[in-house]
Amino acid sequence: MGFGGISIWQLLIVLAIIVLLFGTKKLRGIGGDLGNAVKGFKKAMSDDEQAQADKPEDAKKLAKEDADFVDPAATAAKQEKKSEQ
């Protein structure tokens, strides 16, 4: 007995039929495409984790920069006060 009640011989027969139907070149191409897809998925996940780790620093920086742009009149008033002192 093999995997889930399927013997090794049955698996080999199915594999032989698949190779006959598609050919080795096409199967190699499919395997390569699948490998690249998995590699790309893993890279995207690691990039996302890195972005999550960097996010708090960027959020603080952007909040500080946006504070000046939210109310230009308040920023101008602050600058006038500084110049008067």
PDB file of N, CA and C in Angstrom:
ATOM      1  N   MET A   1       0.835  -1.190   0.000  1.00  0.00           N
ATOM      2  CA  MET A   1       0.000   0.000   0.000  1.00  0.00           C
ATOM      3  C   MET A   1       0.877   1.248   0.000  1.00  0.00           C
ATOM      4  N   GLY A   2       0.455   2.234  -0.748  1.00  0.00           N
ATOM      5  CA  GLY A   2       1.198   3.476  -0.853  1.00  0.00           C
ATOM      6  C   GLY A   2       0.434   4.617  -0.197  1.00  0.00           C
ATOM      7  N   PHE A   3       0.288   5.682  -0.929  1.00  0.00           N
ATOM      8  CA  PHE A   3      -0.352   6.892  -0.442  1.00  0.00           C
ATOM      9  C   PHE A   3      -1.871   6.776  -0.552  1.00  0.00           C
ATOM     10  N   GLY A   4      -2.543   6.678   0.579  1.00  0.00           N
ATOM     11  CA  GLY A   4      -4.002   6.663   0.578  1.00  0.00           C
ATOM     12  C   GLY A   4      -4.606   5.492  -0.171  1.00  0.00           C
ATOM     13  N   GLY A   5      -3.989   4.339  -0.125  1.00  0.00           N
ATOM     14  CA  GLY A   5      -4.527   3.166  -0.809  1.00  0.00           C
ATOM     15  C   GLY A   5      -4.095   3.043  -2.255  1.00  0.00           C
ATOM     16  N   ILE A   6      -3.247   3.944  -2.745  1.00  0.00           N
ATOM     17  CA  ILE A   6      -2.757   3.880  -4.125  1.00  0.00           C
ATOM     18  C   ILE A   6      -1.355   3.290  -4.075  1.00  0.00           C
ATOM     19  N   SER A   7      -1.146   2.249  -4.854  1.00  0.00           N
ATOM     20  CA  SER A   7       0.170   1.601  -4.832  1.00  0.00           C
ATOM     21  C   SER A   7       1.166   2.369  -5.701  1.00  0.00           C
ATOM     22  N   ILE A   8       2.418   2.028  -5.536  1.00  0.00           N
ATOM     23  CA  ILE A   8       3.496   2.646  -6.311  1.00  0.00           C
ATOM     24  C   ILE A   8       3.297   2.377  -7.799  1.00  0.00           C
ATOM     25  N   TRP A   9       2.857   1.182  -8.130  1.00  0.00           N
ATOM     26  CA  TRP A   9       2.674   0.832  -9.542  1.00  0.00           C
ATOM     27  C   TRP A   9       1.586   1.687 -10.178  1.00  0.00           C
ATOM     28  N   GLN A  10       0.526   1.958  -9.458  1.00  0.00           N
ATOM     29  CA  GLN A  10      -0.528   2.808 -10.001  1.00  0.00           C
ATOM     30  C   GLN A  10      -0.017   4.236 -10.218  1.00  0.00           C
ATOM     31  N   LEU A  11       0.780   4.713  -9.287  1.00  0.00           N
ATOM     32  CA  LEU A  11       1.360   6.049  -9.446  1.00  0.00           C
ATOM     33  C   LEU A  11       2.299   6.116 -10.653  1.00  0.00           C
ATOM     34  N   LEU A  12       3.090   5.063 -10.848  1.00  0.00           N
ATOM     35  CA  LEU A  12       4.004   5.029 -11.998  1.00  0.00           C
ATOM     36  C   LEU A  12       3.240   4.987 -13.316  1.00  0.00           C
ATOM     37  N   ILE A  13       2.152   4.256 -13.355  1.00  0.00           N
ATOM     38  CA  ILE A  13       1.339   4.186 -14.577  1.00  0.00           C
ATOM     39  C   ILE A  13       0.742   5.559 -14.886  1.00  0.00           C
ATOM     40  N   VAL A  14       0.211   6.230 -13.875  1.00  0.00           N
ATOM     41  CA  VAL A  14      -0.361   7.564 -14.084  1.00  0.00           C
ATOM     42  C   VAL A  14       0.729   8.534 -14.543  1.00  0.00           C
ATOM     43  N   LEU A  15       1.914   8.460 -13.935  1.00  0.00           N
ATOM     44  CA  LEU A  15       3.025   9.316 -14.332  1.00  0.00           C
ATOM     45  C   LEU A  15       3.437   9.059 -15.783  1.00  0.00           C
ATOM     46  N   ALA A  16       3.487   7.788 -16.180  1.00  0.00           N
ATOM     47  CA  ALA A  16       3.841   7.442 -17.561  1.00  0.00           C
ATOM     48  C   ALA A  16       2.814   7.992 -18.539  1.00  0.00           C
ATOM     49  N   ILE A  17       1.539   7.922 -18.199  1.00  0.00           N
ATOM     50  CA  ILE A  17       0.488   8.447 -19.082  1.00  0.00           C
ATOM     51  C   ILE A  17       0.616   9.964 -19.216  1.00  0.00           C
ATOM     52  N   ILE A  18       0.909  10.641 -18.110  1.00  0.00           N
ATOM     53  CA  ILE A  18       1.070  12.104 -18.152  1.00  0.00           C
ATOM     54  C   ILE A  18       2.263  12.486 -19.020  1.00  0.00           C
ATOM     55  N   VAL A  19       3.373  11.764 -18.894  1.00  0.00           N
ATOM     56  CA  VAL A  19       4.560  12.046 -19.704  1.00  0.00           C
ATOM     57  C   VAL A  19       4.251  11.810 -21.182  1.00  0.00           C
ATOM     58  N   LEU A  20       3.511  10.756 -21.487  1.00  0.00           N
ATOM     59  CA  LEU A  20       3.152  10.490 -22.880  1.00  0.00           C
ATOM     60  C   LEU A  20       2.237  11.565 -23.445  1.00  0.00           C
ATOM     61  N   LEU A  21       1.323  12.060 -22.641  1.00  0.00           N
ATOM     62  CA  LEU A  21       0.385  13.062 -23.126  1.00  0.00           C
ATOM     63  C   LEU A  21       1.049  14.426 -23.339  1.00  0.00           C
ATOM     64  N   PHE A  22       1.831  14.867 -22.388  1.00  0.00           N
ATOM     65  CA  PHE A  22       2.377  16.218 -22.443  1.00  0.00           C
ATOM     66  C   PHE A  22       3.802  16.293 -22.962  1.00  0.00           C
ATOM     67  N   GLY A  23       4.581  15.276 -22.783  1.00  0.00           N
ATOM     68  CA  GLY A  23       5.980  15.319 -23.191  1.00  0.00           C
ATOM     69  C   GLY A  23       6.844  15.907 -22.097  1.00  0.00           C
ATOM     70  N   THR A  24       8.109  15.573 -22.125  1.00  0.00           N
ATOM     71  CA  THR A  24       9.005  15.994 -21.046  1.00  0.00           C
ATOM     72  C   THR A  24       9.321  17.488 -21.100  1.00  0.00           C
ATOM     73  N   LYS A  25       9.408  18.070 -22.305  1.00  0.00           N
ATOM     74  CA  LYS A  25       9.730  19.493 -22.407  1.00  0.00           C
ATOM     75  C   LYS A  25       8.627  20.354 -21.809  1.00  0.00           C
ATOM     76  N   LYS A  26       7.387  20.012 -22.111  1.00  0.00           N
ATOM     77  CA  LYS A  26       6.281  20.790 -21.588  1.00  0.00           C
ATOM     78  C   LYS A  26       6.177  20.626 -20.068  1.00  0.00           C
ATOM     79  N   LEU A  27       6.400  19.421 -19.573  1.00  0.00           N
ATOM     80  CA  LEU A  27       6.358  19.193 -18.130  1.00  0.00           C
ATOM     81  C   LEU A  27       7.490  19.949 -17.433  1.00  0.00           C
ATOM     82  N   ARG A  28       8.657  20.000 -18.060  1.00  0.00           N
ATOM     83  CA  ARG A  28       9.782  20.746 -17.491  1.00  0.00           C
ATOM     84  C   ARG A  28       9.451  22.234 -17.436  1.00  0.00           C
ATOM     85  N   GLY A  29       8.815  22.737 -18.488  1.00  0.00           N
ATOM     86  CA  GLY A  29       8.402  24.148 -18.514  1.00  0.00           C
ATOM     87  C   GLY A  29       7.361  24.453 -17.447  1.00  0.00           C
ATOM     88  N   ILE A  30       6.412  23.548 -17.278  1.00  0.00           N
ATOM     89  CA  ILE A  30       5.389  23.738 -16.248  1.00  0.00           C
ATOM     90  C   ILE A  30       6.031  23.721 -14.863  1.00  0.00           C
ATOM     91  N   GLY A  31       6.970  22.809 -14.656  1.00  0.00           N
ATOM     92  CA  GLY A  31       7.670  22.741 -13.374  1.00  0.00           C
ATOM     93  C   GLY A  31       8.464  24.010 -13.096  1.00  0.00           C
ATOM     94  N   GLY A  32       9.126  24.528 -14.117  1.00  0.00           N
ATOM     95  CA  GLY A  32       9.880  25.775 -13.959  1.00  0.00           C
ATOM     96  C   GLY A  32       8.967  26.951 -13.650  1.00  0.00           C
ATOM     97  N   ASP A  33       7.837  27.023 -14.347  1.00  0.00           N
ATOM     98  CA  ASP A  33       6.881  28.100 -14.090  1.00  0.00           C
ATOM     99  C   ASP A  33       6.318  28.011 -12.676  1.00  0.00           C
ATOM    100  N   LEU A  34       6.023  26.804 -12.258  1.00  0.00           N
ATOM    101  CA  LEU A  34       5.506  26.612 -10.905  1.00  0.00           C
ATOM    102  C   LEU A  34       6.554  27.001  -9.863  1.00  0.00           C
ATOM    103  N   GLY A  35       7.798  26.621 -10.097  1.00  0.00           N
ATOM    104  CA  GLY A  35       8.880  26.993  -9.186  1.00  0.00           C
ATOM    105  C   GLY A  35       9.067  28.500  -9.102  1.00  0.00           C
ATOM    106  N   ASN A  36       9.004  29.184 -10.249  1.00  0.00           N
ATOM    107  CA  ASN A  36       9.124  30.644 -10.250  1.00  0.00           C
ATOM    108  C   ASN A  36       7.959  31.301  -9.529  1.00  0.00           C
ATOM    109  N   ALA A  37       6.774  30.727  -9.684  1.00  0.00           N
ATOM    110  CA  ALA A  37       5.607  31.281  -8.995  1.00  0.00           C
ATOM    111  C   ALA A  37       5.752  31.157  -7.485  1.00  0.00           C
ATOM    112  N   VAL A  38       6.233  30.009  -7.023  1.00  0.00           N
ATOM    113  CA  VAL A  38       6.432  29.813  -5.583  1.00  0.00           C
ATOM    114  C   VAL A  38       7.513  30.751  -5.067  1.00  0.00           C
ATOM    115  N   LYS A  39       8.588  30.904  -5.834  1.00  0.00           N
ATOM    116  CA  LYS A  39       9.684  31.794  -5.444  1.00  0.00           C
ATOM    117  C   LYS A  39       9.197  33.246  -5.370  1.00  0.00           C
ATOM    118  N   GLY A  40       8.394  33.658  -6.345  1.00  0.00           N
ATOM    119  CA  GLY A  40       7.842  35.011  -6.343  1.00  0.00           C
ATOM    120  C   GLY A  40       6.904  35.239  -5.168  1.00  0.00           C
ATOM    121  N   PHE A  41       6.108  34.221  -4.840  1.00  0.00           N
ATOM    122  CA  PHE A  41       5.197  34.326  -3.704  1.00  0.00           C
ATOM    123  C   PHE A  41       5.982  34.490  -2.407  1.00  0.00           C
ATOM    124  N   LYS A  42       7.030  33.698  -2.225  1.00  0.00           N
ATOM    125  CA  LYS A  42       7.842  33.797  -1.016  1.00  0.00           C
ATOM    126  C   LYS A  42       8.516  35.165  -0.920  1.00  0.00           C
ATOM    127  N   LYS A  43       8.990  35.691  -2.056  1.00  0.00           N
ATOM    128  CA  LYS A  43       9.636  37.001  -2.064  1.00  0.00           C
ATOM    129  C   LYS A  43       8.634  38.086  -1.704  1.00  0.00           C
ATOM    130  N   ALA A  44       7.431  37.988  -2.243  1.00  0.00           N
ATOM    131  CA  ALA A  44       6.402  38.982  -1.929  1.00  0.00           C
ATOM    132  C   ALA A  44       6.032  38.939  -0.454  1.00  0.00           C
ATOM    133  N   MET A  45       5.975  37.744   0.117  1.00  0.00           N
ATOM    134  CA  MET A  45       5.650  37.623   1.540  1.00  0.00           C
ATOM    135  C   MET A  45       6.756  38.237   2.394  1.00  0.00           C
ATOM    136  N   SER A  46       8.020  37.993   2.046  1.00  0.00           N
ATOM    137  CA  SER A  46       9.120  38.558   2.835  1.00  0.00           C
ATOM    138  C   SER A  46       9.179  40.074   2.665  1.00  0.00           C
ATOM    139  N   ASP A  47       8.873  40.586   1.455  1.00  0.00           N
ATOM    140  CA  ASP A  47       8.841  42.026   1.243  1.00  0.00           C
ATOM    141  C   ASP A  47       7.726  42.664   2.057  1.00  0.00           C
ATOM    142  N   ASP A  48       6.582  41.984   2.138  1.00  0.00           N
ATOM    143  CA  ASP A  48       5.456  42.489   2.912  1.00  0.00           C
ATOM    144  C   ASP A  48       5.794  42.531   4.396  1.00  0.00           C
ATOM    145  N   GLU A  49       6.466  41.488   4.886  1.00  0.00           N
ATOM    146  CA  GLU A  49       6.881  41.472   6.288  1.00  0.00           C
ATOM    147  C   GLU A  49       7.874  42.594   6.563  1.00  0.00           C
ATOM    148  N   GLN A  50       8.780  42.854   5.637  1.00  0.00           N
ATOM    149  CA  GLN A  50       9.752  43.933   5.793  1.00  0.00           C
ATOM    150  C   GLN A  50       9.034  45.281   5.806  1.00  0.00           C
ATOM    151  N   ALA A  51       8.028  45.439   4.953  1.00  0.00           N
ATOM    152  CA  ALA A  51       7.275  46.684   4.908  1.00  0.00           C
ATOM    153  C   ALA A  51       6.507  46.890   6.209  1.00  0.00           C
ATOM    154  N   GLN A  52       5.987  45.817   6.776  1.00  0.00           N
ATOM    155  CA  GLN A  52       5.281  45.920   8.050  1.00  0.00           C
ATOM    156  C   GLN A  52       6.239  46.341   9.158  1.00  0.00           C
ATOM    157  N   ALA A  53       7.467  45.847   9.120  1.00  0.00           N
ATOM    158  CA  ALA A  53       8.455  46.204  10.141  1.00  0.00           C
ATOM    159  C   ALA A  53       8.882  47.662  10.008  1.00  0.00           C
ATOM    160  N   ASP A  54       8.958  48.175   8.788  1.00  0.00           N
ATOM    161  CA  ASP A  54       9.376  49.554   8.548  1.00  0.00           C
ATOM    162  C   ASP A  54       8.236  50.549   8.686  1.00  0.00           C
ATOM    163  N   LYS A  55       7.024  50.087   8.707  1.00  0.00           N
ATOM    164  CA  LYS A  55       5.854  50.957   8.674  1.00  0.00           C
ATOM    165  C   LYS A  55       5.783  51.943   9.836  1.00  0.00           C
ATOM    166  N   PRO A  56       6.001  51.558  11.090  1.00  0.00           N
ATOM    167  CA  PRO A  56       5.885  52.534  12.179  1.00  0.00           C
ATOM    168  C   PRO A  56       6.821  53.735  12.031  1.00  0.00           C
ATOM    169  N   GLU A  57       8.040  53.515  11.600  1.00  0.00           N
ATOM    170  CA  GLU A  57       8.975  54.616  11.405  1.00  0.00           C
ATOM    171  C   GLU A  57       8.491  55.542  10.301  1.00  0.00           C
ATOM    172  N   ASP A  58       8.038  54.975   9.194  1.00  0.00           N
ATOM    173  CA  ASP A  58       7.557  55.773   8.080  1.00  0.00           C
ATOM    174  C   ASP A  58       6.298  56.545   8.461  1.00  0.00           C
ATOM    175  N   ALA A  59       5.433  55.916   9.244  1.00  0.00           N
ATOM    176  CA  ALA A  59       4.189  56.564   9.638  1.00  0.00           C
ATOM    177  C   ALA A  59       4.476  57.793  10.493  1.00  0.00           C
ATOM    178  N   LYS A  60       5.416  57.681  11.422  1.00  0.00           N
ATOM    179  CA  LYS A  60       5.770  58.821  12.263  1.00  0.00           C
ATOM    180  C   LYS A  60       6.366  59.949  11.415  1.00  0.00           C
ATOM    181  N   LYS A  61       7.231  59.577  10.498  1.00  0.00           N
ATOM    182  CA  LYS A  61       7.878  60.564   9.641  1.00  0.00           C
ATOM    183  C   LYS A  61       6.856  61.283   8.769  1.00  0.00           C
ATOM    184  N   LEU A  62       5.928  60.520   8.171  1.00  0.00           N
ATOM    185  CA  LEU A  62       4.908  61.110   7.316  1.00  0.00           C
ATOM    186  C   LEU A  62       3.950  61.978   8.125  1.00  0.00           C
ATOM    187  N   ALA A  63       3.606  61.546   9.328  1.00  0.00           N
ATOM    188  CA  ALA A  63       2.707  62.336  10.165  1.00  0.00           C
ATOM    189  C   ALA A  63       3.345  63.676  10.492  1.00  0.00           C
ATOM    190  N   LYS A  64       4.634  63.694  10.767  1.00  0.00           N
ATOM    191  CA  LYS A  64       5.338  64.937  11.076  1.00  0.00           C
ATOM    192  C   LYS A  64       5.370  65.852   9.851  1.00  0.00           C
ATOM    193  N   GLU A  65       5.623  65.275   8.673  1.00  0.00           N
ATOM    194  CA  GLU A  65       5.660  66.071   7.443  1.00  0.00           C
ATOM    195  C   GLU A  65       4.276  66.576   7.079  1.00  0.00           C
ATOM    196  N   ASP A  66       3.251  65.757   7.273  1.00  0.00           N
ATOM    197  CA  ASP A  66       1.887  66.140   6.924  1.00  0.00           C
ATOM    198  C   ASP A  66       1.346  67.210   7.866  1.00  0.00           C
ATOM    199  N   ALA A  67       1.854  67.276   9.077  1.00  0.00           N
ATOM    200  CA  ALA A  67       1.358  68.264  10.039  1.00  0.00           C
ATOM    201  C   ALA A  67       1.583  69.678   9.505  1.00  0.00           C
ATOM    202  N   ASP A  68       2.666  69.916   8.822  1.00  0.00           N
ATOM    203  CA  ASP A  68       2.943  71.239   8.263  1.00  0.00           C
ATOM    204  C   ASP A  68       2.056  71.549   7.068  1.00  0.00           C
ATOM    205  N   PHE A  69       1.647  70.527   6.344  1.00  0.00           N
ATOM    206  CA  PHE A  69       0.853  70.735   5.145  1.00  0.00           C
ATOM    207  C   PHE A  69      -0.643  70.762   5.412  1.00  0.00           C
ATOM    208  N   VAL A  70      -1.067  70.352   6.573  1.00  0.00           N
ATOM    209  CA  VAL A  70      -2.489  70.306   6.881  1.00  0.00           C
ATOM    210  C   VAL A  70      -3.056  71.714   6.973  1.00  0.00           C
ATOM    211  N   ASP A  71      -2.385  72.608   7.661  1.00  0.00           N
ATOM    212  CA  ASP A  71      -2.887  73.964   7.860  1.00  0.00           C
ATOM    213  C   ASP A  71      -1.778  74.965   7.539  1.00  0.00           C
ATOM    214  N   PRO A  72      -1.697  75.414   6.284  1.00  0.00           N
ATOM    215  CA  PRO A  72      -0.631  76.350   5.920  1.00  0.00           C
ATOM    216  C   PRO A  72      -0.721  77.673   6.677  1.00  0.00           C
ATOM    217  N   ALA A  73      -1.932  78.091   7.027  1.00  0.00           N
ATOM    218  CA  ALA A  73      -2.090  79.354   7.755  1.00  0.00           C
ATOM    219  C   ALA A  73      -1.467  79.248   9.140  1.00  0.00           C
ATOM    220  N   ALA A  74      -1.650  78.103   9.797  1.00  0.00           N
ATOM    221  CA  ALA A  74      -1.067  77.911  11.126  1.00  0.00           C
ATOM    222  C   ALA A  74       0.456  77.891  11.038  1.00  0.00           C
ATOM    223  N   THR A  75       0.969  77.293   9.988  1.00  0.00           N
ATOM    224  CA  THR A  75       2.408  77.253   9.796  1.00  0.00           C
ATOM    225  C   THR A  75       2.952  78.662   9.584  1.00  0.00           C
ATOM    226  N   ALA A  76       2.246  79.469   8.809  1.00  0.00           N
ATOM    227  CA  ALA A  76       2.669  80.854   8.576  1.00  0.00           C
ATOM    228  C   ALA A  76       2.616  81.649   9.867  1.00  0.00           C
ATOM    229  N   ALA A  77       1.583  81.415  10.679  1.00  0.00           N
ATOM    230  CA  ALA A  77       1.463  82.135  11.954  1.00  0.00           C
ATOM    231  C   ALA A  77       2.614  81.766  12.884  1.00  0.00           C
ATOM    232  N   LYS A  78       2.986  80.500  12.914  1.00  0.00           N
ATOM    233  CA  LYS A  78       4.111  80.062  13.747  1.00  0.00           C
ATOM    234  C   LYS A  78       5.399  80.756  13.313  1.00  0.00           C
ATOM    235  N   GLN A  79       5.583  80.871  12.003  1.00  0.00           N
ATOM    236  CA  GLN A  79       6.792  81.506  11.501  1.00  0.00           C
ATOM    237  C   GLN A  79       6.817  82.993  11.827  1.00  0.00           C
ATOM    238  N   GLU A  80       5.659  83.647  11.798  1.00  0.00           N
ATOM    239  CA  GLU A  80       5.587  85.074  12.139  1.00  0.00           C
ATOM    240  C   GLU A  80       5.923  85.295  13.614  1.00  0.00           C
ATOM    241  N   LYS A  81       5.413  84.388  14.476  1.00  0.00           N
ATOM    242  CA  LYS A  81       5.694  84.498  15.894  1.00  0.00           C
ATOM    243  C   LYS A  81       7.187  84.393  16.157  1.00  0.00           C
ATOM    244  N   LYS A  82       7.820  83.440  15.468  1.00  0.00           N
ATOM    245  CA  LYS A  82       9.259  83.242  15.649  1.00  0.00           C
ATOM    246  C   LYS A  82      10.046  84.475  15.195  1.00  0.00           C
ATOM    247  N   SER A  83       9.601  85.091  14.102  1.00  0.00           N
ATOM    248  CA  SER A  83      10.335  86.239  13.590  1.00  0.00           C
ATOM    249  C   SER A  83      10.131  87.471  14.478  1.00  0.00           C
ATOM    250  N   GLU A  84       8.990  87.573  15.177  1.00  0.00           N
ATOM    251  CA  GLU A  84       8.730  88.676  16.074  1.00  0.00           C
ATOM    252  C   GLU A  84       9.571  88.597  17.336  1.00  0.00           C
ATOM    253  N   GLN A  85       9.881  87.387  17.748  1.00  0.00           N
ATOM    254  CA  GLN A  85      10.629  87.199  18.996  1.00  0.00           C
ATOM    255  C   GLN A  85      12.048  87.484  18.750  1.00  0.00           C
TER     256      GLN A  85
END
